PDB file of N, CA and C in Angstrom:
ATOM      1  N   UNK A   1      24.537  12.899 -10.056  1.00  0.00           N
ATOM      2  CA  UNK A   1      24.932  14.205  -9.582  1.00  0.00           C
ATOM      3  C   UNK A   1      26.464  14.021  -9.218  1.00  0.00           C
ATOM      4  N   UNK A   2      27.363  14.938  -9.320  1.00  0.00           N
ATOM      5  CA  UNK A   2      28.632  14.934  -9.115  1.00  0.00           C
ATOM      6  C   UNK A   2      28.869  16.275  -8.387  1.00  0.00           C
ATOM      7  N   UNK A   3      29.690  16.380  -7.428  1.00  0.00           N
ATOM      8  CA  UNK A   3      30.237  17.571  -6.693  1.00  0.00           C
ATOM      9  C   UNK A   3      31.664  17.733  -6.841  1.00  0.00           C
ATOM     10  N   UNK A   4      31.869  19.102  -7.121  1.00  0.00           N
ATOM     11  CA  UNK A   4      33.022  19.642  -7.468  1.00  0.00           C
ATOM     12  C   UNK A   4      33.568  20.196  -6.232  1.00  0.00           C
ATOM     13  N   UNK A   5      34.708  19.712  -5.459  1.00  0.00           N
ATOM     14  CA  UNK A   5      34.968  20.220  -4.132  1.00  0.00           C
ATOM     15  C   UNK A   5      36.265  21.225  -4.747  1.00  0.00           C
ATOM     16  N   UNK A   6      36.424  22.329  -4.316  1.00  0.00           N
ATOM     17  CA  UNK A   6      37.242  23.392  -4.561  1.00  0.00           C
ATOM     18  C   UNK A   6      37.677  23.925  -3.406  1.00  0.00           C
ATOM     19  N   UNK A   7      39.430  24.049  -3.269  1.00  0.00           N
ATOM     20  CA  UNK A   7      39.840  24.758  -2.190  1.00  0.00           C
ATOM     21  C   UNK A   7      40.713  25.793  -2.732  1.00  0.00           C
ATOM     22  N   UNK A   8      40.437  27.048  -2.205  1.00  0.00           N
ATOM     23  CA  UNK A   8      41.310  28.254  -2.717  1.00  0.00           C
ATOM     24  C   UNK A   8      42.155  28.389  -1.523  1.00  0.00           C
ATOM     25  N   UNK A   9      43.383  28.749  -1.714  1.00  0.00           N
ATOM     26  CA  UNK A   9      44.263  28.962  -0.601  1.00  0.00           C
ATOM     27  C   UNK A   9      44.948  30.579  -0.927  1.00  0.00           C
ATOM     28  N   UNK A  10      44.584  31.393  -0.119  1.00  0.00           N
ATOM     29  CA  UNK A  10      44.970  32.708  -0.449  1.00  0.00           C
ATOM     30  C   UNK A  10      46.261  33.082   0.339  1.00  0.00           C
ATOM     31  N   UNK A  11      46.834  34.069  -0.461  1.00  0.00           N
ATOM     32  CA  UNK A  11      48.063  34.626  -0.053  1.00  0.00           C
ATOM     33  C   UNK A  11      47.658  35.411   1.533  1.00  0.00           C
ATOM     34  N   UNK A  12      48.480  35.435   2.089  1.00  0.00           N
ATOM     35  CA  UNK A  12      48.224  36.007   3.670  1.00  0.00           C
ATOM     36  C   UNK A  12      47.615  37.208   3.594  1.00  0.00           C
ATOM     37  N   UNK A  13      46.433  37.264   4.380  1.00  0.00           N
ATOM     38  CA  UNK A  13      45.703  38.704   4.436  1.00  0.00           C
ATOM     39  C   UNK A  13      44.847  38.886   3.345  1.00  0.00           C
ATOM     40  N   UNK A  14      44.603  38.094   2.168  1.00  0.00           N
ATOM     41  CA  UNK A  14      43.917  38.167   1.054  1.00  0.00           C
ATOM     42  C   UNK A  14      42.555  37.448   1.076  1.00  0.00           C
ATOM     43  N   UNK A  15      42.082  36.774   2.144  1.00  0.00           N
ATOM     44  CA  UNK A  15      40.998  36.118   1.857  1.00  0.00           C
ATOM     45  C   UNK A  15      39.813  37.056   2.025  1.00  0.00           C
ATOM     46  N   UNK A  16      39.671  38.111   2.741  1.00  0.00           N
ATOM     47  CA  UNK A  16      38.790  38.952   2.748  1.00  0.00           C
ATOM     48  C   UNK A  16      38.501  39.418   1.164  1.00  0.00           C
ATOM     49  N   UNK A  17      39.589  39.679   0.396  1.00  0.00           N
ATOM     50  CA  UNK A  17      39.477  40.158  -1.006  1.00  0.00           C
ATOM     51  C   UNK A  17      38.704  38.741  -1.723  1.00  0.00           C
ATOM     52  N   UNK A  18      38.804  37.672  -1.545  1.00  0.00           N
ATOM     53  CA  UNK A  18      38.427  36.608  -2.377  1.00  0.00           C
ATOM     54  C   UNK A  18      37.154  36.615  -1.809  1.00  0.00           C
ATOM     55  N   UNK A  19      36.451  36.564  -0.764  1.00  0.00           N
ATOM     56  CA  UNK A  19      35.312  36.416  -0.020  1.00  0.00           C
ATOM     57  C   UNK A  19      34.468  37.377  -0.804  1.00  0.00           C
ATOM     58  N   UNK A  20      34.867  39.059  -0.783  1.00  0.00           N
ATOM     59  CA  UNK A  20      34.038  40.017  -1.509  1.00  0.00           C
ATOM     60  C   UNK A  20      33.929  39.674  -2.872  1.00  0.00           C
ATOM     61  N   UNK A  21      34.900  38.937  -3.662  1.00  0.00           N
ATOM     62  CA  UNK A  21      34.764  38.814  -5.160  1.00  0.00           C
ATOM     63  C   UNK A  21      33.520  38.119  -5.300  1.00  0.00           C
ATOM     64  N   UNK A  22      33.783  36.922  -4.400  1.00  0.00           N
ATOM     65  CA  UNK A  22      32.572  35.848  -4.629  1.00  0.00           C
ATOM     66  C   UNK A  22      31.143  36.555  -4.414  1.00  0.00           C
ATOM     67  N   UNK A  23      31.165  37.311  -3.291  1.00  0.00           N
ATOM     68  CA  UNK A  23      29.757  37.947  -2.710  1.00  0.00           C
ATOM     69  C   UNK A  23      29.321  38.947  -3.898  1.00  0.00           C
ATOM     70  N   UNK A  24      30.241  39.532  -4.506  1.00  0.00           N
ATOM     71  CA  UNK A  24      29.719  40.856  -4.920  1.00  0.00           C
ATOM     72  C   UNK A  24      29.714  40.553  -6.745  1.00  0.00           C
ATOM     73  N   UNK A  25      30.567  39.658  -6.997  1.00  0.00           N
ATOM     74  CA  UNK A  25      30.640  39.229  -8.456  1.00  0.00           C
ATOM     75  C   UNK A  25      30.315  37.856  -9.073  1.00  0.00           C
ATOM     76  N   UNK A  26      31.024  37.016  -8.540  1.00  0.00           N
ATOM     77  CA  UNK A  26      31.261  35.614  -9.027  1.00  0.00           C
ATOM     78  C   UNK A  26      29.922  35.046  -8.845  1.00  0.00           C
ATOM     79  N   UNK A  27      29.149  34.993  -7.612  1.00  0.00           N
ATOM     80  CA  UNK A  27      27.812  34.415  -7.753  1.00  0.00           C
ATOM     81  C   UNK A  27      26.552  34.809  -8.574  1.00  0.00           C
ATOM     82  N   UNK A  28      26.709  36.105  -8.808  1.00  0.00           N
ATOM     83  CA  UNK A  28      25.826  36.450  -9.814  1.00  0.00           C
ATOM     84  C   UNK A  28      26.242  36.055 -11.262  1.00  0.00           C
ATOM     85  N   UNK A  29      27.360  35.966 -11.656  1.00  0.00           N
ATOM     86  CA  UNK A  29      28.116  35.406 -12.700  1.00  0.00           C
ATOM     87  C   UNK A  29      27.544  33.772 -12.871  1.00  0.00           C
ATOM     88  N   UNK A  30      27.654  33.195 -11.793  1.00  0.00           N
ATOM     89  CA  UNK A  30      27.344  31.764 -11.864  1.00  0.00           C
ATOM     90  C   UNK A  30      26.001  31.688 -11.966  1.00  0.00           C
ATOM     91  N   UNK A  31      25.281  32.438 -11.598  1.00  0.00           N
ATOM     92  CA  UNK A  31      23.727  32.442 -11.689  1.00  0.00           C
ATOM     93  C   UNK A  31      23.396  32.593 -13.150  1.00  0.00           C
ATOM     94  N   UNK A  32      24.006  33.600 -13.872  1.00  0.00           N
ATOM     95  CA  UNK A  32      23.974  33.783 -15.200  1.00  0.00           C
ATOM     96  C   UNK A  32      24.212  32.588 -16.003  1.00  0.00           C
ATOM     97  N   UNK A  33      25.133  31.692 -15.623  1.00  0.00           N
ATOM     98  CA  UNK A  33      25.662  30.638 -16.618  1.00  0.00           C
ATOM     99  C   UNK A  33      25.164  29.025 -16.094  1.00  0.00           C
ATOM    100  N   UNK A  34      24.224  29.255 -15.153  1.00  0.00           N
ATOM    101  CA  UNK A  34      23.626  28.164 -14.273  1.00  0.00           C
ATOM    102  C   UNK A  34      24.356  27.203 -13.630  1.00  0.00           C
ATOM    103  N   UNK A  35      25.143  27.875 -13.128  1.00  0.00           N
ATOM    104  CA  UNK A  35      26.420  27.104 -12.134  1.00  0.00           C
ATOM    105  C   UNK A  35      25.481  27.138 -10.489  1.00  0.00           C
ATOM    106  N   UNK A  36      25.531  26.054 -10.051  1.00  0.00           N
ATOM    107  CA  UNK A  36      24.784  25.802  -8.651  1.00  0.00           C
ATOM    108  C   UNK A  36      25.851  25.557  -7.646  1.00  0.00           C
ATOM    109  N   UNK A  37      26.014  26.588  -6.674  1.00  0.00           N
ATOM    110  CA  UNK A  37      26.806  26.146  -5.571  1.00  0.00           C
ATOM    111  C   UNK A  37      26.053  25.340  -4.522  1.00  0.00           C
ATOM    112  N   UNK A  38      26.835  24.630  -3.981  1.00  0.00           N
ATOM    113  CA  UNK A  38      26.235  23.447  -2.598  1.00  0.00           C
ATOM    114  C   UNK A  38      26.732  23.818  -1.371  1.00  0.00           C
ATOM    115  N   UNK A  39      27.483  25.103  -1.132  1.00  0.00           N
ATOM    116  CA  UNK A  39      27.970  25.496   0.073  1.00  0.00           C
ATOM    117  C   UNK A  39      29.515  25.921  -0.084  1.00  0.00           C
ATOM    118  N   UNK A  40      29.467  27.022   0.829  1.00  0.00           N
ATOM    119  CA  UNK A  40      30.623  27.812   0.935  1.00  0.00           C
ATOM    120  C   UNK A  40      31.458  27.632   2.464  1.00  0.00           C
ATOM    121  N   UNK A  41      32.817  27.577   2.725  1.00  0.00           N
ATOM    122  CA  UNK A  41      33.174  27.302   3.967  1.00  0.00           C
ATOM    123  C   UNK A  41      34.576  28.072   4.457  1.00  0.00           C
ATOM    124  N   UNK A  42      34.671  28.647   5.165  1.00  0.00           N
ATOM    125  CA  UNK A  42      35.923  29.158   5.788  1.00  0.00           C
ATOM    126  C   UNK A  42      36.631  28.211   6.657  1.00  0.00           C
ATOM    127  N   UNK A  43      37.752  27.972   6.841  1.00  0.00           N
ATOM    128  CA  UNK A  43      38.415  27.168   7.998  1.00  0.00           C
ATOM    129  C   UNK A  43      38.542  27.745   9.199  1.00  0.00           C
ATOM    130  N   UNK A  44      37.916  27.189  10.120  1.00  0.00           N
ATOM    131  CA  UNK A  44      37.719  27.659  11.690  1.00  0.00           C
ATOM    132  C   UNK A  44      39.137  27.041  12.050  1.00  0.00           C
ATOM    133  N   UNK A  45      39.258  25.768  12.333  1.00  0.00           N
ATOM    134  CA  UNK A  45      40.279  24.845  12.850  1.00  0.00           C
ATOM    135  C   UNK A  45      40.789  24.033  11.577  1.00  0.00           C
ATOM    136  N   UNK A  46      42.203  24.127  11.330  1.00  0.00           N
ATOM    137  CA  UNK A  46      42.655  23.181  10.300  1.00  0.00           C
ATOM    138  C   UNK A  46      44.333  23.849   9.767  1.00  0.00           C
ATOM    139  N   UNK A  47      44.443  23.184   8.751  1.00  0.00           N
ATOM    140  CA  UNK A  47      45.744  23.575   8.325  1.00  0.00           C
ATOM    141  C   UNK A  47      45.825  24.936   7.967  1.00  0.00           C
ATOM    142  N   UNK A  48      44.879  25.647   7.640  1.00  0.00           N
ATOM    143  CA  UNK A  48      45.103  26.815   6.976  1.00  0.00           C
ATOM    144  C   UNK A  48      44.100  27.775   7.157  1.00  0.00           C
ATOM    145  N   UNK A  49      43.965  28.614   7.845  1.00  0.00           N
ATOM    146  CA  UNK A  49      42.643  29.622   7.768  1.00  0.00           C
ATOM    147  C   UNK A  49      42.926  30.641   6.681  1.00  0.00           C
ATOM    148  N   UNK A  50      43.523  30.583   5.863  1.00  0.00           N
ATOM    149  CA  UNK A  50      43.506  31.068   4.418  1.00  0.00           C
ATOM    150  C   UNK A  50      42.875  30.569   3.416  1.00  0.00           C
ATOM    151  N   UNK A  51      41.947  29.544   3.771  1.00  0.00           N
ATOM    152  CA  UNK A  51      41.532  28.672   2.648  1.00  0.00           C
ATOM    153  C   UNK A  51      39.974  29.028   2.728  1.00  0.00           C
ATOM    154  N   UNK A  52      39.577  28.930   1.393  1.00  0.00           N
ATOM    155  CA  UNK A  52      38.131  28.936   1.118  1.00  0.00           C
ATOM    156  C   UNK A  52      37.738  27.639   0.262  1.00  0.00           C
ATOM    157  N   UNK A  53      36.460  27.027   0.816  1.00  0.00           N
ATOM    158  CA  UNK A  53      36.268  25.628   0.456  1.00  0.00           C
ATOM    159  C   UNK A  53      34.834  25.874   0.191  1.00  0.00           C
ATOM    160  N   UNK A  54      34.793  25.200  -1.082  1.00  0.00           N
ATOM    161  CA  UNK A  54      33.329  25.288  -1.521  1.00  0.00           C
ATOM    162  C   UNK A  54      33.000  24.200  -2.566  1.00  0.00           C
ATOM    163  N   UNK A  55      31.809  23.765  -2.709  1.00  0.00           N
ATOM    164  CA  UNK A  55      31.148  22.778  -3.375  1.00  0.00           C
ATOM    165  C   UNK A  55      30.382  23.352  -4.584  1.00  0.00           C
ATOM    166  N   UNK A  56      30.272  22.742  -5.829  1.00  0.00           N
ATOM    167  CA  UNK A  56      29.335  22.798  -6.773  1.00  0.00           C
ATOM    168  C   UNK A  56      28.779  21.896  -7.424  1.00  0.00           C
ATOM    169  N   UNK A  57      27.583  22.073  -7.630  1.00  0.00           N
ATOM    170  CA  UNK A  57      26.736  20.529  -8.043  1.00  0.00           C
ATOM    171  C   UNK A  57      26.883  20.626  -9.515  1.00  0.00           C
ATOM    172  N   UNK A  58      26.998  19.464  -9.895  1.00  0.00           N
ATOM    173  CA  UNK A  58      26.920  19.290 -11.447  1.00  0.00           C
ATOM    174  C   UNK A  58      26.061  17.997 -11.761  1.00  0.00           C
ATOM    175  N   UNK A  59      25.186  18.096 -13.169  1.00  0.00           N
ATOM    176  CA  UNK A  59      24.631  16.921 -13.371  1.00  0.00           C
ATOM    177  C   UNK A  59      25.597  15.951 -13.981  1.00  0.00           C
ATOM    178  N   UNK A  60      26.766  16.370 -14.592  1.00  0.00           N
ATOM    179  CA  UNK A  60      27.591  15.606 -15.578  1.00  0.00           C
ATOM    180  C   UNK A  60      29.024  16.477 -15.842  1.00  0.00           C
ATOM    181  N   UNK A  61      30.028  15.706 -16.030  1.00  0.00           N
ATOM    182  CA  UNK A  61      31.068  16.375 -16.599  1.00  0.00           C
ATOM    183  C   UNK A  61      30.978  17.141 -17.723  1.00  0.00           C
ATOM    184  N   UNK A  62      30.142  16.704 -18.531  1.00  0.00           N
ATOM    185  CA  UNK A  62      29.772  17.325 -19.898  1.00  0.00           C
ATOM    186  C   UNK A  62      29.186  18.923 -19.366  1.00  0.00           C
ATOM    187  N   UNK A  63      28.419  18.706 -18.327  1.00  0.00           N
ATOM    188  CA  UNK A  63      27.667  20.068 -18.207  1.00  0.00           C
ATOM    189  C   UNK A  63      28.786  20.978 -17.242  1.00  0.00           C
ATOM    190  N   UNK A  64      29.498  20.628 -16.578  1.00  0.00           N
ATOM    191  CA  UNK A  64      30.606  21.152 -15.989  1.00  0.00           C
ATOM    192  C   UNK A  64      31.544  21.790 -17.109  1.00  0.00           C
ATOM    193  N   UNK A  65      32.060  21.141 -17.772  1.00  0.00           N
ATOM    194  CA  UNK A  65      32.970  21.725 -18.849  1.00  0.00           C
ATOM    195  C   UNK A  65      32.285  22.783 -19.881  1.00  0.00           C
ATOM    196  N   UNK A  66      30.994  22.652 -20.091  1.00  0.00           N
ATOM    197  CA  UNK A  66      30.195  23.489 -20.825  1.00  0.00           C
ATOM    198  C   UNK A  66      29.946  24.743 -20.027  1.00  0.00           C
ATOM    199  N   UNK A  67      29.613  24.710 -18.793  1.00  0.00           N
ATOM    200  CA  UNK A  67      29.211  25.844 -18.153  1.00  0.00           C
ATOM    201  C   UNK A  67      30.255  26.676 -17.713  1.00  0.00           C
ATOM    202  N   UNK A  68      31.420  25.932 -17.057  1.00  0.00           N
ATOM    203  CA  UNK A  68      32.541  26.424 -16.321  1.00  0.00           C
ATOM    204  C   UNK A  68      33.477  27.104 -17.482  1.00  0.00           C
ATOM    205  N   UNK A  69      33.356  26.602 -18.587  1.00  0.00           N
ATOM    206  CA  UNK A  69      34.093  27.340 -19.949  1.00  0.00           C
ATOM    207  C   UNK A  69      33.547  28.528 -20.024  1.00  0.00           C
ATOM    208  N   UNK A  70      32.329  28.719 -20.242  1.00  0.00           N
ATOM    209  CA  UNK A  70      31.799  29.676 -20.281  1.00  0.00           C
ATOM    210  C   UNK A  70      31.836  30.669 -19.439  1.00  0.00           C
ATOM    211  N   UNK A  71      32.054  30.413 -18.088  1.00  0.00           N
ATOM    212  CA  UNK A  71      32.005  31.547 -17.163  1.00  0.00           C
ATOM    213  C   UNK A  71      33.294  32.012 -17.260  1.00  0.00           C
ATOM    214  N   UNK A  72      34.434  31.157 -17.309  1.00  0.00           N
ATOM    215  CA  UNK A  72      35.709  31.510 -17.466  1.00  0.00           C
ATOM    216  C   UNK A  72      36.010  32.609 -18.566  1.00  0.00           C
ATOM    217  N   UNK A  73      35.273  32.313 -19.486  1.00  0.00           N
ATOM    218  CA  UNK A  73      35.636  33.443 -20.753  1.00  0.00           C
ATOM    219  C   UNK A  73      34.524  34.433 -20.728  1.00  0.00           C
ATOM    220  N   UNK A  74      33.538  34.688 -19.790  1.00  0.00           N
ATOM    221  CA  UNK A  74      32.616  35.704 -19.597  1.00  0.00           C
ATOM    222  C   UNK A  74      33.658  37.061 -19.406  1.00  0.00           C
ATOM    223  N   UNK A  75      33.460  37.930 -20.219  1.00  0.00           N
ATOM    224  CA  UNK A  75      34.168  39.505 -19.997  1.00  0.00           C
ATOM    225  C   UNK A  75      33.893  40.127 -18.791  1.00  0.00           C
ATOM    226  N   UNK A  76      32.609  39.621 -18.162  1.00  0.00           N
ATOM    227  CA  UNK A  76      32.323  40.352 -17.138  1.00  0.00           C
ATOM    228  C   UNK A  76      33.072  39.697 -15.986  1.00  0.00           C
ATOM    229  N   UNK A  77      33.389  38.421 -15.735  1.00  0.00           N
ATOM    230  CA  UNK A  77      34.295  37.742 -14.930  1.00  0.00           C
ATOM    231  C   UNK A  77      35.614  38.142 -15.075  1.00  0.00           C
ATOM    232  N   UNK A  78      36.142  38.060 -16.297  1.00  0.00           N
ATOM    233  CA  UNK A  78      37.642  38.626 -16.643  1.00  0.00           C
ATOM    234  C   UNK A  78      37.897  39.903 -15.984  1.00  0.00           C
ATOM    235  N   UNK A  79      36.853  40.712 -16.185  1.00  0.00           N
ATOM    236  CA  UNK A  79      37.010  42.022 -15.722  1.00  0.00           C
ATOM    237  C   UNK A  79      36.679  42.206 -13.980  1.00  0.00           C
ATOM    238  N   UNK A  80      36.044  41.502 -13.424  1.00  0.00           N
ATOM    239  CA  UNK A  80      35.778  41.343 -11.976  1.00  0.00           C
ATOM    240  C   UNK A  80      37.129  40.759 -11.298  1.00  0.00           C
ATOM    241  N   UNK A  81      37.645  39.742 -12.039  1.00  0.00           N
ATOM    242  CA  UNK A  81      38.949  39.122 -11.584  1.00  0.00           C
ATOM    243  C   UNK A  81      40.088  40.009 -11.632  1.00  0.00           C
ATOM    244  N   UNK A  82      40.296  40.605 -12.418  1.00  0.00           N
ATOM    245  CA  UNK A  82      41.170  41.626 -12.904  1.00  0.00           C
ATOM    246  C   UNK A  82      41.248  42.625 -11.976  1.00  0.00           C
ATOM    247  N   UNK A  83      39.883  43.141 -11.858  1.00  0.00           N
ATOM    248  CA  UNK A  83      39.891  44.317 -10.823  1.00  0.00           C
ATOM    249  C   UNK A  83      40.208  43.936  -9.207  1.00  0.00           C
ATOM    250  N   UNK A  84      39.660  42.671  -8.928  1.00  0.00           N
ATOM    251  CA  UNK A  84      40.032  42.469  -7.381  1.00  0.00           C
ATOM    252  C   UNK A  84      41.458  41.923  -7.326  1.00  0.00           C
ATOM    253  N   UNK A  85      42.216  41.742  -8.394  1.00  0.00           N
ATOM    254  CA  UNK A  85      43.761  41.491  -8.339  1.00  0.00           C
ATOM    255  C   UNK A  85      44.460  42.784  -8.706  1.00  0.00           C
ATOM    256  N   UNK A  86      43.856  43.956  -8.432  1.00  0.00           N
ATOM    257  CA  UNK A  86      44.750  45.112  -9.295  1.00  0.00           C
ATOM    258  C   UNK A  86      45.810  45.568  -8.216  1.00  0.00           C
ATOM    259  N   UNK A  87      45.817  45.052  -6.907  1.00  0.00           N
ATOM    260  CA  UNK A  87      46.757  45.488  -6.026  1.00  0.00           C
ATOM    261  C   UNK A  87      47.523  44.121  -5.721  1.00  0.00           C
ATOM    262  N   UNK A  88      47.387  43.210  -6.496  1.00  0.00           N
ATOM    263  CA  UNK A  88      48.155  42.106  -6.273  1.00  0.00           C
ATOM    264  C   UNK A  88      47.359  40.803  -6.299  1.00  0.00           C
ATOM    265  N   UNK A  89      48.029  39.423  -6.585  1.00  0.00           N
ATOM    266  CA  UNK A  89      47.373  38.233  -6.622  1.00  0.00           C
ATOM    267  C   UNK A  89      46.917  38.087  -5.339  1.00  0.00           C
ATOM    268  N   UNK A  90      45.545  37.326  -5.297  1.00  0.00           N
ATOM    269  CA  UNK A  90      44.907  36.722  -4.251  1.00  0.00           C
ATOM    270  C   UNK A  90      45.272  35.322  -3.912  1.00  0.00           C
ATOM    271  N   UNK A  91      45.512  34.437  -4.793  1.00  0.00           N
ATOM    272  CA  UNK A  91      45.507  33.172  -4.535  1.00  0.00           C
ATOM    273  C   UNK A  91      46.694  32.701  -4.433  1.00  0.00           C
ATOM    274  N   UNK A  92      47.265  31.388  -3.802  1.00  0.00           N
ATOM    275  CA  UNK A  92      48.412  30.844  -3.816  1.00  0.00           C
ATOM    276  C   UNK A  92      48.342  29.518  -4.336  1.00  0.00           C
ATOM    277  N   UNK A  93      46.945  29.168  -4.384  1.00  0.00           N
ATOM    278  CA  UNK A  93      46.820  27.511  -4.848  1.00  0.00           C
ATOM    279  C   UNK A  93      45.512  27.294  -4.992  1.00  0.00           C
ATOM    280  N   UNK A  94      45.043  26.550  -5.897  1.00  0.00           N
ATOM    281  CA  UNK A  94      43.780  26.215  -6.019  1.00  0.00           C
ATOM    282  C   UNK A  94      43.764  24.402  -6.337  1.00  0.00           C
ATOM    283  N   UNK A  95      43.004  23.862  -5.605  1.00  0.00           N
ATOM    284  CA  UNK A  95      43.006  22.531  -5.731  1.00  0.00           C
ATOM    285  C   UNK A  95      41.600  22.222  -6.014  1.00  0.00           C
ATOM    286  N   UNK A  96      41.266  21.109  -6.957  1.00  0.00           N
ATOM    287  CA  UNK A  96      39.905  20.726  -7.292  1.00  0.00           C
ATOM    288  C   UNK A  96      39.922  19.270  -7.328  1.00  0.00           C
ATOM    289  N   UNK A  97      38.760  18.443  -6.833  1.00  0.00           N
ATOM    290  CA  UNK A  97      38.401  17.196  -6.881  1.00  0.00           C
ATOM    291  C   UNK A  97      36.909  16.957  -7.251  1.00  0.00           C
ATOM    292  N   UNK A  98      36.673  15.993  -7.970  1.00  0.00           N
ATOM    293  CA  UNK A  98      35.317  15.714  -8.193  1.00  0.00           C
ATOM    294  C   UNK A  98      34.723  14.604  -7.505  1.00  0.00           C
ATOM    295  N   UNK A  99      33.452  14.563  -6.848  1.00  0.00           N
ATOM    296  CA  UNK A  99      33.283  13.488  -5.650  1.00  0.00           C
ATOM    297  C   UNK A  99      31.845  12.994  -6.310  1.00  0.00           C
ATOM    298  N   UNK A 100      31.652  11.623  -6.037  1.00  0.00           N
ATOM    299  CA  UNK A 100      30.317  11.204  -6.363  1.00  0.00           C
ATOM    300  C   UNK A 100      29.672  10.839  -4.826  1.00  0.00           C
ATOM    301  N   UNK A 101      28.504  10.911  -4.540  1.00  0.00           N
ATOM    302  CA  UNK A 101      27.846  10.490  -3.699  1.00  0.00           C
ATOM    303  C   UNK A 101      27.594   9.205  -3.277  1.00  0.00           C
ATOM    304  N   UNK A 102      27.828   8.671  -1.911  1.00  0.00           N
ATOM    305  CA  UNK A 102      27.647   7.113  -1.848  1.00  0.00           C
ATOM    306  C   UNK A 102      26.152   6.941  -1.870  1.00  0.00           C
ATOM    307  N   UNK A 103      25.732   5.507  -1.658  1.00  0.00           N
ATOM    308  CA  UNK A 103      24.063   5.363  -1.576  1.00  0.00           C
ATOM    309  C   UNK A 103      23.965   5.812  -0.341  1.00  0.00           C
ATOM    310  N   UNK A 104      24.576   5.982   0.691  1.00  0.00           N
ATOM    311  CA  UNK A 104      23.891   6.366   2.019  1.00  0.00           C
ATOM    312  C   UNK A 104      24.309   7.796   2.591  1.00  0.00           C
ATOM    313  N   UNK A 105      24.849   8.597   1.557  1.00  0.00           N
ATOM    314  CA  UNK A 105      24.983  10.063   1.774  1.00  0.00           C
ATOM    315  C   UNK A 105      23.511  10.827   1.864  1.00  0.00           C
ATOM    316  N   UNK A 106      23.624  11.833   2.441  1.00  0.00           N
ATOM    317  CA  UNK A 106      22.398  12.582   2.740  1.00  0.00           C
ATOM    318  C   UNK A 106      22.432  13.793   1.923  1.00  0.00           C
ATOM    319  N   UNK A 107      23.444  13.699   1.078  1.00  0.00           N
ATOM    320  CA  UNK A 107      23.366  14.471  -0.289  1.00  0.00           C
ATOM    321  C   UNK A 107      23.620  13.530  -1.171  1.00  0.00           C
ATOM    322  N   UNK A 108      22.672  14.010  -2.308  1.00  0.00           N
ATOM    323  CA  UNK A 108      22.576  13.009  -3.369  1.00  0.00           C
ATOM    324  C   UNK A 108      23.021  13.707  -4.793  1.00  0.00           C
TER     325      UNK A 108
END
């Protein structure tokens, strides 16, 4: 199992729009494509309260490439993304890291 850590930095005032997009559209599409989330977090104290941080669980990089590509090409995703950005862009930056649990991790 590997975990993808993604940090989305929103433009000022745009985090509520991103949260609504995940809640109303993205997670349903992830279910459709078999993408498993392992947690979502907003920043209470830290460098930016405009961040959404989340983890996605993958069996392998091959699974990630297959499912993420299908999700990104899904016409329903493209429509939801475009609609959520009709009044302007939401994100200023996206960072992604791939993590492997240690032998002593509570998460495997």
